[in-house]
Amino acid sequence: MVIKNHSLSFNISLEQILYITVQNLDYPVICPICNYEVKIRDSKRRYIKDETGQKIPLNLKRYYCSRCNKLHTEIPDIIEPYKQYDSLTIEKVKSGDISSFAGDDSTIRNWQRKK
């Protein structure tokens, strides 16, 4: 299960990012399944790609719910769940505002079809 964190904002371009770690939240994180407060378990490394295909490493926090025994990953707004590319690149491709893109043509068609 994914915990989408809408409170994070990034005011820098992806070209300037070498490494991102999501900071601690000021409020409790709630399990999306049973609405119980979850505890930080660990973190995992995930890579996303920008429009040039450059891989950007991210450290994503993982939370454990002791009530429903589920593990959840916090996903910042800069990435889409289950996608390899960052949110900005996906939106640019969907709207046609991108001149060059390192991804496959089939990826572009799939994203544009799912507007």
PDB file of N, CA and C in Angstrom:
ATOM      1  N   MET A   1       0.849  -1.173   0.000  1.00  0.00           N
ATOM      2  CA  MET A   1       0.000   0.000   0.000  1.00  0.00           C
ATOM      3  C   MET A   1       0.893   1.233   0.000  1.00  0.00           C
ATOM      4  N   VAL A   2       0.454   2.266  -0.646  1.00  0.00           N
ATOM      5  CA  VAL A   2       1.205   3.496  -0.785  1.00  0.00           C
ATOM      6  C   VAL A   2       0.567   4.573   0.080  1.00  0.00           C
ATOM      7  N   ILE A   3       1.396   5.283   0.817  1.00  0.00           N
ATOM      8  CA  ILE A   3       0.941   6.455   1.564  1.00  0.00           C
ATOM      9  C   ILE A   3       1.405   7.662   0.769  1.00  0.00           C
ATOM     10  N   LYS A   4       0.476   8.376   0.172  1.00  0.00           N
ATOM     11  CA  LYS A   4       0.803   9.527  -0.662  1.00  0.00           C
ATOM     12  C   LYS A   4       0.929  10.750   0.227  1.00  0.00           C
ATOM     13  N   ASN A   5       2.081  11.385   0.203  1.00  0.00           N
ATOM     14  CA  ASN A   5       2.321  12.548   1.035  1.00  0.00           C
ATOM     15  C   ASN A   5       2.169  13.793   0.183  1.00  0.00           C
ATOM     16  N   HIS A   6       1.102  14.540   0.387  1.00  0.00           N
ATOM     17  CA  HIS A   6       0.842  15.738  -0.396  1.00  0.00           C
ATOM     18  C   HIS A   6       1.402  16.991   0.258  1.00  0.00           C
ATOM     19  N   SER A   7       2.102  16.848   1.376  1.00  0.00           N
ATOM     20  CA  SER A   7       2.598  18.033   2.066  1.00  0.00           C
ATOM     21  C   SER A   7       4.001  18.413   1.615  1.00  0.00           C
ATOM     22  N   LEU A   8       4.638  17.590   0.815  1.00  0.00           N
ATOM     23  CA  LEU A   8       5.992  17.888   0.384  1.00  0.00           C
ATOM     24  C   LEU A   8       5.963  18.712  -0.887  1.00  0.00           C
ATOM     25  N   SER A   9       6.876  19.657  -0.997  1.00  0.00           N
ATOM     26  CA  SER A   9       7.005  20.404  -2.241  1.00  0.00           C
ATOM     27  C   SER A   9       8.485  20.596  -2.526  1.00  0.00           C
ATOM     28  N   PHE A  10       8.817  20.536  -3.787  1.00  0.00           N
ATOM     29  CA  PHE A  10      10.195  20.687  -4.204  1.00  0.00           C
ATOM     30  C   PHE A  10      10.277  21.858  -5.156  1.00  0.00           C
ATOM     31  N   ASN A  11      11.091  22.859  -4.835  1.00  0.00           N
ATOM     32  CA  ASN A  11      11.228  24.049  -5.658  1.00  0.00           C
ATOM     33  C   ASN A  11      12.541  24.055  -6.424  1.00  0.00           C
ATOM     34  N   ILE A  12      13.083  22.902  -6.701  1.00  0.00           N
ATOM     35  CA  ILE A  12      14.322  22.800  -7.453  1.00  0.00           C
ATOM     36  C   ILE A  12      14.092  21.880  -8.638  1.00  0.00           C
ATOM     37  N   SER A  13      14.892  22.058  -9.660  1.00  0.00           N
ATOM     38  CA  SER A  13      14.740  21.198 -10.834  1.00  0.00           C
ATOM     39  C   SER A  13      15.392  19.848 -10.571  1.00  0.00           C
ATOM     40  N   LEU A  14      14.937  18.841 -11.265  1.00  0.00           N
ATOM     41  CA  LEU A  14      15.473  17.498 -11.066  1.00  0.00           C
ATOM     42  C   LEU A  14      16.940  17.411 -11.469  1.00  0.00           C
ATOM     43  N   GLU A  15      17.393  18.294 -12.366  1.00  0.00           N
ATOM     44  CA  GLU A  15      18.780  18.275 -12.780  1.00  0.00           C
ATOM     45  C   GLU A  15      19.721  18.636 -11.618  1.00  0.00           C
ATOM     46  N   GLN A  16      19.209  19.374 -10.636  1.00  0.00           N
ATOM     47  CA  GLN A  16      20.016  19.802  -9.497  1.00  0.00           C
ATOM     48  C   GLN A  16      20.025  18.782  -8.368  1.00  0.00           C
ATOM     49  N   ILE A  17      19.170  17.775  -8.448  1.00  0.00           N
ATOM     50  CA  ILE A  17      19.023  16.823  -7.356  1.00  0.00           C
ATOM     51  C   ILE A  17      20.016  15.684  -7.522  1.00  0.00           C
ATOM     52  N   LEU A  18      20.794  15.439  -6.505  1.00  0.00           N
ATOM     53  CA  LEU A  18      21.666  14.276  -6.516  1.00  0.00           C
ATOM     54  C   LEU A  18      21.091  13.165  -5.659  1.00  0.00           C
ATOM     55  N   TYR A  19      20.424  13.561  -4.591  1.00  0.00           N
ATOM     56  CA  TYR A  19      19.916  12.573  -3.646  1.00  0.00           C
ATOM     57  C   TYR A  19      18.815  13.214  -2.819  1.00  0.00           C
ATOM     58  N   ILE A  20      17.698  12.529  -2.667  1.00  0.00           N
ATOM     59  CA  ILE A  20      16.572  13.074  -1.902  1.00  0.00           C
ATOM     60  C   ILE A  20      16.251  12.134  -0.756  1.00  0.00           C
ATOM     61  N   THR A  21      16.074  12.691   0.422  1.00  0.00           N
ATOM     62  CA  THR A  21      15.567  11.932   1.555  1.00  0.00           C
ATOM     63  C   THR A  21      14.330  12.654   2.066  1.00  0.00           C
ATOM     64  N   VAL A  22      13.235  11.943   2.191  1.00  0.00           N
ATOM     65  CA  VAL A  22      12.006  12.539   2.709  1.00  0.00           C
ATOM     66  C   VAL A  22      12.191  12.782   4.201  1.00  0.00           C
ATOM     67  N   GLN A  23      11.920  14.006   4.632  1.00  0.00           N
ATOM     68  CA  GLN A  23      12.129  14.393   6.024  1.00  0.00           C
ATOM     69  C   GLN A  23      10.991  13.911   6.915  1.00  0.00           C
ATOM     70  N   ASN A  24      11.233  13.931   8.226  1.00  0.00           N
ATOM     71  CA  ASN A  24      10.204  13.533   9.196  1.00  0.00           C
ATOM     72  C   ASN A  24       8.997  14.452   9.103  1.00  0.00           C
ATOM     73  N   LEU A  25       7.834  13.872   9.301  1.00  0.00           N
ATOM     74  CA  LEU A  25       6.597  14.632   9.275  1.00  0.00           C
ATOM     75  C   LEU A  25       6.282  15.155  10.667  1.00  0.00           C
ATOM     76  N   ASP A  26       5.538  16.250  10.725  1.00  0.00           N
ATOM     77  CA  ASP A  26       5.158  16.847  12.003  1.00  0.00           C
ATOM     78  C   ASP A  26       3.835  16.297  12.521  1.00  0.00           C
ATOM     79  N   TYR A  27       3.233  15.380  11.815  1.00  0.00           N
ATOM     80  CA  TYR A  27       1.954  14.830  12.213  1.00  0.00           C
ATOM     81  C   TYR A  27       2.018  13.301  12.102  1.00  0.00           C
ATOM     82  N   PRO A  28       1.162  12.605  12.802  1.00  0.00           N
ATOM     83  CA  PRO A  28       1.200  11.135  12.743  1.00  0.00           C
ATOM     84  C   PRO A  28       0.748  10.632  11.375  1.00  0.00           C
ATOM     85  N   VAL A  29       1.351   9.550  10.945  1.00  0.00           N
ATOM     86  CA  VAL A  29       0.955   8.913   9.696  1.00  0.00           C
ATOM     87  C   VAL A  29      -0.065   7.833  10.034  1.00  0.00           C
ATOM     88  N   ILE A  30      -1.162   7.829   9.293  1.00  0.00           N
ATOM     89  CA  ILE A  30      -2.275   6.923   9.559  1.00  0.00           C
ATOM     90  C   ILE A  30      -2.332   5.846   8.482  1.00  0.00           C
ATOM     91  N   CYS A  31      -2.603   4.629   8.905  1.00  0.00           N
ATOM     92  CA  CYS A  31      -2.736   3.502   7.984  1.00  0.00           C
ATOM     93  C   CYS A  31      -3.940   3.732   7.066  1.00  0.00           C
ATOM     94  N   PRO A  32      -3.753   3.632   5.739  1.00  0.00           N
ATOM     95  CA  PRO A  32      -4.884   3.843   4.826  1.00  0.00           C
ATOM     96  C   PRO A  32      -5.886   2.691   4.832  1.00  0.00           C
ATOM     97  N   ILE A  33      -5.544   1.584   5.473  1.00  0.00           N
ATOM     98  CA  ILE A  33      -6.442   0.429   5.513  1.00  0.00           C
ATOM     99  C   ILE A  33      -7.327   0.451   6.758  1.00  0.00           C
ATOM    100  N   CYS A  34      -6.695   0.622   7.933  1.00  0.00           N
ATOM    101  CA  CYS A  34      -7.475   0.509   9.180  1.00  0.00           C
ATOM    102  C   CYS A  34      -7.513   1.805   9.998  1.00  0.00           C
ATOM    103  N   ASN A  35      -6.897   2.873   9.517  1.00  0.00           N
ATOM    104  CA  ASN A  35      -6.884   4.181  10.184  1.00  0.00           C
ATOM    105  C   ASN A  35      -6.193   4.176  11.546  1.00  0.00           C
ATOM    106  N   TYR A  36      -5.247   3.289  11.724  1.00  0.00           N
ATOM    107  CA  TYR A  36      -4.464   3.201  12.947  1.00  0.00           C
ATOM    108  C   TYR A  36      -3.129   3.902  12.704  1.00  0.00           C
ATOM    109  N   GLU A  37      -2.560   4.490  13.748  1.00  0.00           N
ATOM    110  CA  GLU A  37      -1.272   5.168  13.589  1.00  0.00           C
ATOM    111  C   GLU A  37      -0.163   4.147  13.312  1.00  0.00           C
ATOM    112  N   VAL A  38       0.657   4.438  12.296  1.00  0.00           N
ATOM    113  CA  VAL A  38       1.736   3.525  11.915  1.00  0.00           C
ATOM    114  C   VAL A  38       3.074   4.048  12.439  1.00  0.00           C
ATOM    115  N   LYS A  39       4.038   3.164  12.526  1.00  0.00           N
ATOM    116  CA  LYS A  39       5.378   3.497  13.007  1.00  0.00           C
ATOM    117  C   LYS A  39       6.381   3.300  11.878  1.00  0.00           C
ATOM    118  N   ILE A  40       7.420   4.116  11.877  1.00  0.00           N
ATOM    119  CA  ILE A  40       8.480   3.972  10.870  1.00  0.00           C
ATOM    120  C   ILE A  40       9.186   2.642  11.075  1.00  0.00           C
ATOM    121  N   ARG A  41       9.310   1.887  10.001  1.00  0.00           N
ATOM    122  CA  ARG A  41      10.000   0.600  10.082  1.00  0.00           C
ATOM    123  C   ARG A  41      11.424   0.718   9.544  1.00  0.00           C
ATOM    124  N   ASP A  42      11.554   1.244   8.329  1.00  0.00           N
ATOM    125  CA  ASP A  42      12.860   1.407   7.698  1.00  0.00           C
ATOM    126  C   ASP A  42      12.685   2.294   6.473  1.00  0.00           C
ATOM    127  N   SER A  43      13.635   2.270   5.598  1.00  0.00           N
ATOM    128  CA  SER A  43      13.508   2.993   4.341  1.00  0.00           C
ATOM    129  C   SER A  43      14.024   2.102   3.223  1.00  0.00           C
ATOM    130  N   LYS A  44      13.630   2.444   2.017  1.00  0.00           N
ATOM    131  CA  LYS A  44      14.111   1.680   0.871  1.00  0.00           C
ATOM    132  C   LYS A  44      14.546   2.649  -0.212  1.00  0.00           C
ATOM    133  N   ARG A  45      15.506   2.227  -0.991  1.00  0.00           N
ATOM    134  CA  ARG A  45      16.020   3.037  -2.090  1.00  0.00           C
ATOM    135  C   ARG A  45      15.162   2.787  -3.319  1.00  0.00           C
ATOM    136  N   ARG A  46      14.787   3.872  -3.977  1.00  0.00           N
ATOM    137  CA  ARG A  46      14.060   3.776  -5.239  1.00  0.00           C
ATOM    138  C   ARG A  46      14.655   4.781  -6.199  1.00  0.00           C
ATOM    139  N   TYR A  47      14.686   4.431  -7.447  1.00  0.00           N
ATOM    140  CA  TYR A  47      15.220   5.318  -8.473  1.00  0.00           C
ATOM    141  C   TYR A  47      14.096   5.764  -9.396  1.00  0.00           C
ATOM    142  N   ILE A  48      14.112   7.050  -9.744  1.00  0.00           N
ATOM    143  CA  ILE A  48      13.205   7.553 -10.769  1.00  0.00           C
ATOM    144  C   ILE A  48      14.065   8.145 -11.877  1.00  0.00           C
ATOM    145  N   LYS A  49      13.477   8.301 -13.048  1.00  0.00           N
ATOM    146  CA  LYS A  49      14.185   8.875 -14.185  1.00  0.00           C
ATOM    147  C   LYS A  49      13.584  10.222 -14.526  1.00  0.00           C
ATOM    148  N   ASP A  50      14.445  11.127 -14.986  1.00  0.00           N
ATOM    149  CA  ASP A  50      13.947  12.401 -15.490  1.00  0.00           C
ATOM    150  C   ASP A  50      13.754  12.278 -16.999  1.00  0.00           C
ATOM    151  N   GLU A  51      13.442  13.393 -17.676  1.00  0.00           N
ATOM    152  CA  GLU A  51      13.146  13.334 -19.109  1.00  0.00           C
ATOM    153  C   GLU A  51      14.342  12.932 -19.961  1.00  0.00           C
ATOM    154  N   THR A  52      15.553  13.086 -19.430  1.00  0.00           N
ATOM    155  CA  THR A  52      16.751  12.677 -20.165  1.00  0.00           C
ATOM    156  C   THR A  52      17.096  11.211 -19.924  1.00  0.00           C
ATOM    157  N   GLY A  53      16.398  10.567 -18.990  1.00  0.00           N
ATOM    158  CA  GLY A  53      16.676   9.180 -18.672  1.00  0.00           C
ATOM    159  C   GLY A  53      17.646   9.003 -17.519  1.00  0.00           C
ATOM    160  N   GLN A  54      18.131  10.127 -16.955  1.00  0.00           N
ATOM    161  CA  GLN A  54      19.061  10.065 -15.828  1.00  0.00           C
ATOM    162  C   GLN A  54      18.341   9.524 -14.599  1.00  0.00           C
ATOM    163  N   LYS A  55      18.966   8.560 -13.929  1.00  0.00           N
ATOM    164  CA  LYS A  55      18.374   7.971 -12.723  1.00  0.00           C
ATOM    165  C   LYS A  55      18.667   8.853 -11.510  1.00  0.00           C
ATOM    166  N   ILE A  56      17.633   9.068 -10.697  1.00  0.00           N
ATOM    167  CA  ILE A  56      17.746   9.881  -9.493  1.00  0.00           C
ATOM    168  C   ILE A  56      17.389   8.997  -8.302  1.00  0.00           C
ATOM    169  N   PRO A  57      18.316   8.823  -7.336  1.00  0.00           N
ATOM    170  CA  PRO A  57      18.022   7.968  -6.184  1.00  0.00           C
ATOM    171  C   PRO A  57      17.150   8.682  -5.145  1.00  0.00           C
ATOM    172  N   LEU A  58      16.223   7.949  -4.581  1.00  0.00           N
ATOM    173  CA  LEU A  58      15.361   8.458  -3.512  1.00  0.00           C
ATOM    174  C   LEU A  58      15.386   7.474  -2.353  1.00  0.00           C
ATOM    175  N   ASN A  59      15.309   7.981  -1.139  1.00  0.00           N
ATOM    176  CA  ASN A  59      15.112   7.144   0.042  1.00  0.00           C
ATOM    177  C   ASN A  59      13.668   7.320   0.483  1.00  0.00           C
ATOM    178  N   LEU A  60      12.891   6.269   0.434  1.00  0.00           N
ATOM    179  CA  LEU A  60      11.481   6.336   0.802  1.00  0.00           C
ATOM    180  C   LEU A  60      11.253   5.628   2.127  1.00  0.00           C
ATOM    181  N   LYS A  61      10.565   6.308   3.031  1.00  0.00           N
ATOM    182  CA  LYS A  61      10.252   5.707   4.336  1.00  0.00           C
ATOM    183  C   LYS A  61       9.203   4.627   4.181  1.00  0.00           C
ATOM    184  N   ARG A  62       9.392   3.572   4.973  1.00  0.00           N
ATOM    185  CA  ARG A  62       8.391   2.512   5.020  1.00  0.00           C
ATOM    186  C   ARG A  62       7.843   2.449   6.437  1.00  0.00           C
ATOM    187  N   TYR A  63       6.527   2.300   6.513  1.00  0.00           N
ATOM    188  CA  TYR A  63       5.824   2.285   7.792  1.00  0.00           C
ATOM    189  C   TYR A  63       5.166   0.924   7.986  1.00  0.00           C
ATOM    190  N   TYR A  64       5.054   0.541   9.253  1.00  0.00           N
ATOM    191  CA  TYR A  64       4.409  -0.725   9.598  1.00  0.00           C
ATOM    192  C   TYR A  64       3.204  -0.448  10.490  1.00  0.00           C
ATOM    193  N   CYS A  65       2.087  -1.081  10.154  1.00  0.00           N
ATOM    194  CA  CYS A  65       0.883  -0.974  10.970  1.00  0.00           C
ATOM    195  C   CYS A  65       0.766  -2.238  11.810  1.00  0.00           C
ATOM    196  N   SER A  66       0.791  -2.071  13.112  1.00  0.00           N
ATOM    197  CA  SER A  66       0.718  -3.232  14.014  1.00  0.00           C
ATOM    198  C   SER A  66      -0.702  -3.790  14.147  1.00  0.00           C
ATOM    199  N   ARG A  67      -1.698  -3.009  13.735  1.00  0.00           N
ATOM    200  CA  ARG A  67      -3.074  -3.491  13.821  1.00  0.00           C
ATOM    201  C   ARG A  67      -3.410  -4.431  12.650  1.00  0.00           C
ATOM    202  N   CYS A  68      -3.114  -4.015  11.423  1.00  0.00           N
ATOM    203  CA  CYS A  68      -3.460  -4.853  10.269  1.00  0.00           C
ATOM    204  C   CYS A  68      -2.251  -5.579   9.677  1.00  0.00           C
ATOM    205  N   ASN A  69      -1.084  -5.383  10.291  1.00  0.00           N
ATOM    206  CA  ASN A  69       0.155  -6.060   9.879  1.00  0.00           C
ATOM    207  C   ASN A  69       0.540  -5.789   8.429  1.00  0.00           C
ATOM    208  N   LYS A  70       0.324  -4.561   7.961  1.00  0.00           N
ATOM    209  CA  LYS A  70       0.660  -4.186   6.589  1.00  0.00           C
ATOM    210  C   LYS A  70       1.851  -3.232   6.591  1.00  0.00           C
ATOM    211  N   LEU A  71       2.616  -3.311   5.529  1.00  0.00           N
ATOM    212  CA  LEU A  71       3.757  -2.436   5.315  1.00  0.00           C
ATOM    213  C   LEU A  71       3.372  -1.405   4.258  1.00  0.00           C
ATOM    214  N   HIS A  72       3.636  -0.126   4.530  1.00  0.00           N
ATOM    215  CA  HIS A  72       3.266   0.964   3.633  1.00  0.00           C
ATOM    216  C   HIS A  72       4.499   1.792   3.308  1.00  0.00           C
ATOM    217  N   THR A  73       4.548   2.307   2.079  1.00  0.00           N
ATOM    218  CA  THR A  73       5.655   3.149   1.646  1.00  0.00           C
ATOM    219  C   THR A  73       5.143   4.564   1.420  1.00  0.00           C
ATOM    220  N   GLU A  74       5.853   5.542   1.953  1.00  0.00           N
ATOM    221  CA  GLU A  74       5.481   6.940   1.748  1.00  0.00           C
ATOM    222  C   GLU A  74       6.037   7.411   0.409  1.00  0.00           C
ATOM    223  N   ILE A  75       5.165   7.938  -0.429  1.00  0.00           N
ATOM    224  CA  ILE A  75       5.537   8.395  -1.759  1.00  0.00           C
ATOM    225  C   ILE A  75       5.399   9.919  -1.823  1.00  0.00           C
ATOM    226  N   PRO A  76       6.505  10.657  -2.040  1.00  0.00           N
ATOM    227  CA  PRO A  76       6.388  12.117  -2.181  1.00  0.00           C
ATOM    228  C   PRO A  76       5.752  12.490  -3.521  1.00  0.00           C
ATOM    229  N   ASP A  77       5.270  13.723  -3.638  1.00  0.00           N
ATOM    230  CA  ASP A  77       4.586  14.178  -4.843  1.00  0.00           C
ATOM    231  C   ASP A  77       5.480  14.186  -6.077  1.00  0.00           C
ATOM    232  N   ILE A  78       6.760  14.162  -5.902  1.00  0.00           N
ATOM    233  CA  ILE A  78       7.677  14.232  -7.037  1.00  0.00           C
ATOM    234  C   ILE A  78       7.637  12.962  -7.882  1.00  0.00           C
ATOM    235  N   ILE A  79       7.095  11.870  -7.347  1.00  0.00           N
ATOM    236  CA  ILE A  79       6.989  10.630  -8.116  1.00  0.00           C
ATOM    237  C   ILE A  79       5.564  10.106  -8.092  1.00  0.00           C
ATOM    238  N   GLU A  80       5.246   9.326  -9.104  1.00  0.00           N
ATOM    239  CA  GLU A  80       3.956   8.661  -9.195  1.00  0.00           C
ATOM    240  C   GLU A  80       4.131   7.227  -8.720  1.00  0.00           C
ATOM    241  N   PRO A  81       3.168   6.688  -7.967  1.00  0.00           N
ATOM    242  CA  PRO A  81       3.273   5.287  -7.561  1.00  0.00           C
ATOM    243  C   PRO A  81       3.366   4.363  -8.779  1.00  0.00           C
ATOM    244  N   TYR A  82       4.273   3.414  -8.718  1.00  0.00           N
ATOM    245  CA  TYR A  82       4.457   2.379  -9.741  1.00  0.00           C
ATOM    246  C   TYR A  82       4.938   2.915 -11.090  1.00  0.00           C
ATOM    247  N   LYS A  83       5.485   4.104 -11.126  1.00  0.00           N
ATOM    248  CA  LYS A  83       6.023   4.671 -12.361  1.00  0.00           C
ATOM    249  C   LYS A  83       7.541   4.844 -12.230  1.00  0.00           C
ATOM    250  N   GLN A  84       8.252   4.761 -13.354  1.00  0.00           N
ATOM    251  CA  GLN A  84       9.700   4.912 -13.351  1.00  0.00           C
ATOM    252  C   GLN A  84      10.140   6.361 -13.502  1.00  0.00           C
ATOM    253  N   TYR A  85       9.269   7.213 -14.036  1.00  0.00           N
ATOM    254  CA  TYR A  85       9.630   8.603 -14.312  1.00  0.00           C
ATOM    255  C   TYR A  85       9.003   9.543 -13.288  1.00  0.00           C
ATOM    256  N   ASP A  86       9.612  10.733 -13.129  1.00  0.00           N
ATOM    257  CA  ASP A  86       9.100  11.711 -12.164  1.00  0.00           C
ATOM    258  C   ASP A  86       7.795  12.320 -12.663  1.00  0.00           C
ATOM    259  N   SER A  87       7.029  12.890 -11.742  1.00  0.00           N
ATOM    260  CA  SER A  87       5.702  13.445 -12.039  1.00  0.00           C
ATOM    261  C   SER A  87       5.755  14.560 -13.075  1.00  0.00           C
ATOM    262  N   LEU A  88       6.765  15.417 -12.989  1.00  0.00           N
ATOM    263  CA  LEU A  88       6.889  16.540 -13.913  1.00  0.00           C
ATOM    264  C   LEU A  88       7.070  16.047 -15.347  1.00  0.00           C
ATOM    265  N   THR A  89       7.914  15.056 -15.536  1.00  0.00           N
ATOM    266  CA  THR A  89       8.139  14.501 -16.866  1.00  0.00           C
ATOM    267  C   THR A  89       6.872  13.865 -17.416  1.00  0.00           C
ATOM    268  N   ILE A  90       6.158  13.122 -16.586  1.00  0.00           N
ATOM    269  CA  ILE A  90       4.912  12.485 -17.019  1.00  0.00           C
ATOM    270  C   ILE A  90       3.897  13.535 -17.464  1.00  0.00           C
ATOM    271  N   GLU A  91       3.763  14.612 -16.693  1.00  0.00           N
ATOM    272  CA  GLU A  91       2.813  15.674 -17.057  1.00  0.00           C
ATOM    273  C   GLU A  91       3.230  16.374 -18.345  1.00  0.00           C
ATOM    274  N   LYS A  92       4.534  16.607 -18.520  1.00  0.00           N
ATOM    275  CA  LYS A  92       5.017  17.237 -19.755  1.00  0.00           C
ATOM    276  C   LYS A  92       4.715  16.361 -20.968  1.00  0.00           C
ATOM    277  N   VAL A  93       4.928  15.076 -20.848  1.00  0.00           N
ATOM    278  CA  VAL A  93       4.664  14.155 -21.952  1.00  0.00           C
ATOM    279  C   VAL A  93       3.168  14.112 -22.259  1.00  0.00           C
ATOM    280  N   LYS A  94       2.330  14.049 -21.229  1.00  0.00           N
ATOM    281  CA  LYS A  94       0.875  14.003 -21.432  1.00  0.00           C
ATOM    282  C   LYS A  94       0.362  15.243 -22.147  1.00  0.00           C
ATOM    283  N   SER A  95       0.930  16.410 -21.788  1.00  0.00           N
ATOM    284  CA  SER A  95       0.450  17.657 -22.381  1.00  0.00           C
ATOM    285  C   SER A  95       1.158  18.008 -23.687  1.00  0.00           C
ATOM    286  N   GLY A  96       2.207  17.269 -24.035  1.00  0.00           N
ATOM    287  CA  GLY A  96       2.945  17.531 -25.270  1.00  0.00           C
ATOM    288  C   GLY A  96       3.929  18.676 -25.155  1.00  0.00           C
ATOM    289  N   ASP A  97       4.266  19.095 -23.937  1.00  0.00           N
ATOM    290  CA  ASP A  97       5.177  20.223 -23.709  1.00  0.00           C
ATOM    291  C   ASP A  97       6.637  19.812 -23.642  1.00  0.00           C
ATOM    292  N   ILE A  98       6.989  18.688 -24.200  1.00  0.00           N
ATOM    293  CA  ILE A  98       8.353  18.192 -24.087  1.00  0.00           C
ATOM    294  C   ILE A  98       8.895  17.974 -25.496  1.00  0.00           C
ATOM    295  N   SER A  99      10.119  18.460 -25.737  1.00  0.00           N
ATOM    296  CA  SER A  99      10.691  18.351 -27.076  1.00  0.00           C
ATOM    297  C   SER A  99      11.432  17.033 -27.272  1.00  0.00           C
ATOM    298  N   SER A 100      12.133  16.568 -26.245  1.00  0.00           N
ATOM    299  CA  SER A 100      12.832  15.283 -26.357  1.00  0.00           C
ATOM    300  C   SER A 100      12.589  14.493 -25.076  1.00  0.00           C
ATOM    301  N   PHE A 101      12.431  13.183 -25.248  1.00  0.00           N
ATOM    302  CA  PHE A 101      12.132  12.313 -24.117  1.00  0.00           C
ATOM    303  C   PHE A 101      12.894  11.019 -24.325  1.00  0.00           C
ATOM    304  N   ALA A 102      13.552  10.543 -23.273  1.00  0.00           N
ATOM    305  CA  ALA A 102      14.404   9.363 -23.372  1.00  0.00           C
ATOM    306  C   ALA A 102      13.630   8.053 -23.354  1.00  0.00           C
ATOM    307  N   GLY A 103      12.336   8.090 -23.094  1.00  0.00           N
ATOM    308  CA  GLY A 103      11.543   6.868 -22.979  1.00  0.00           C
ATOM    309  C   GLY A 103      11.115   6.312 -24.328  1.00  0.00           C
ATOM    310  N   ASP A 104      10.504   5.149 -24.286  1.00  0.00           N
ATOM    311  CA  ASP A 104      10.011   4.487 -25.494  1.00  0.00           C
ATOM    312  C   ASP A 104       8.767   5.189 -26.034  1.00  0.00           C
ATOM    313  N   ASP A 105       8.531   4.995 -27.321  1.00  0.00           N
ATOM    314  CA  ASP A 105       7.314   5.536 -27.934  1.00  0.00           C
ATOM    315  C   ASP A 105       6.062   4.924 -27.314  1.00  0.00           C
ATOM    316  N   SER A 106       6.134   3.648 -26.928  1.00  0.00           N
ATOM    317  CA  SER A 106       4.973   3.000 -26.317  1.00  0.00           C
ATOM    318  C   SER A 106       4.642   3.624 -24.962  1.00  0.00           C
ATOM    319  N   THR A 107       5.673   4.056 -24.230  1.00  0.00           N
ATOM    320  CA  THR A 107       5.453   4.744 -22.952  1.00  0.00           C
ATOM    321  C   THR A 107       4.707   6.053 -23.178  1.00  0.00           C
ATOM    322  N   ILE A 108       5.120   6.796 -24.172  1.00  0.00           N
ATOM    323  CA  ILE A 108       4.466   8.072 -24.496  1.00  0.00           C
ATOM    324  C   ILE A 108       3.005   7.833 -24.863  1.00  0.00           C
ATOM    325  N   ARG A 109       2.748   6.847 -25.728  1.00  0.00           N
ATOM    326  CA  ARG A 109       1.362   6.554 -26.139  1.00  0.00           C
ATOM    327  C   ARG A 109       0.505   6.146 -24.948  1.00  0.00           C
ATOM    328  N   ASN A 110       1.051   5.316 -24.059  1.00  0.00           N
ATOM    329  CA  ASN A 110       0.290   4.881 -22.878  1.00  0.00           C
ATOM    330  C   ASN A 110      -0.057   6.056 -21.980  1.00  0.00           C
ATOM    331  N   TRP A 111       0.882   6.941 -21.730  1.00  0.00           N
ATOM    332  CA  TRP A 111       0.627   8.099 -20.861  1.00  0.00           C
ATOM    333  C   TRP A 111      -0.383   9.039 -21.493  1.00  0.00           C
ATOM    334  N   GLN A 112      -0.265   9.296 -22.795  1.00  0.00           N
ATOM    335  CA  GLN A 112      -1.178  10.212 -23.465  1.00  0.00           C
ATOM    336  C   GLN A 112      -2.592   9.634 -23.552  1.00  0.00           C
ATOM    337  N   ARG A 113      -2.701   8.318 -23.638  1.00  0.00           N
ATOM    338  CA  ARG A 113      -4.001   7.669 -23.699  1.00  0.00           C
ATOM    339  C   ARG A 113      -4.709   7.748 -22.343  1.00  0.00           C
ATOM    340  N   LYS A 114      -3.954   7.809 -21.252  1.00  0.00           N
ATOM    341  CA  LYS A 114      -4.521   7.810 -19.892  1.00  0.00           C
ATOM    342  C   LYS A 114      -4.640   9.210 -19.311  1.00  0.00           C
ATOM    343  N   LYS A 115      -4.879  10.216 -20.128  1.00  0.00           N
ATOM    344  CA  LYS A 115      -5.024  11.599 -19.651  1.00  0.00           C
ATOM    345  C   LYS A 115      -6.169  11.656 -18.745  1.00  0.00           C
TER     346      LYS A 115
END
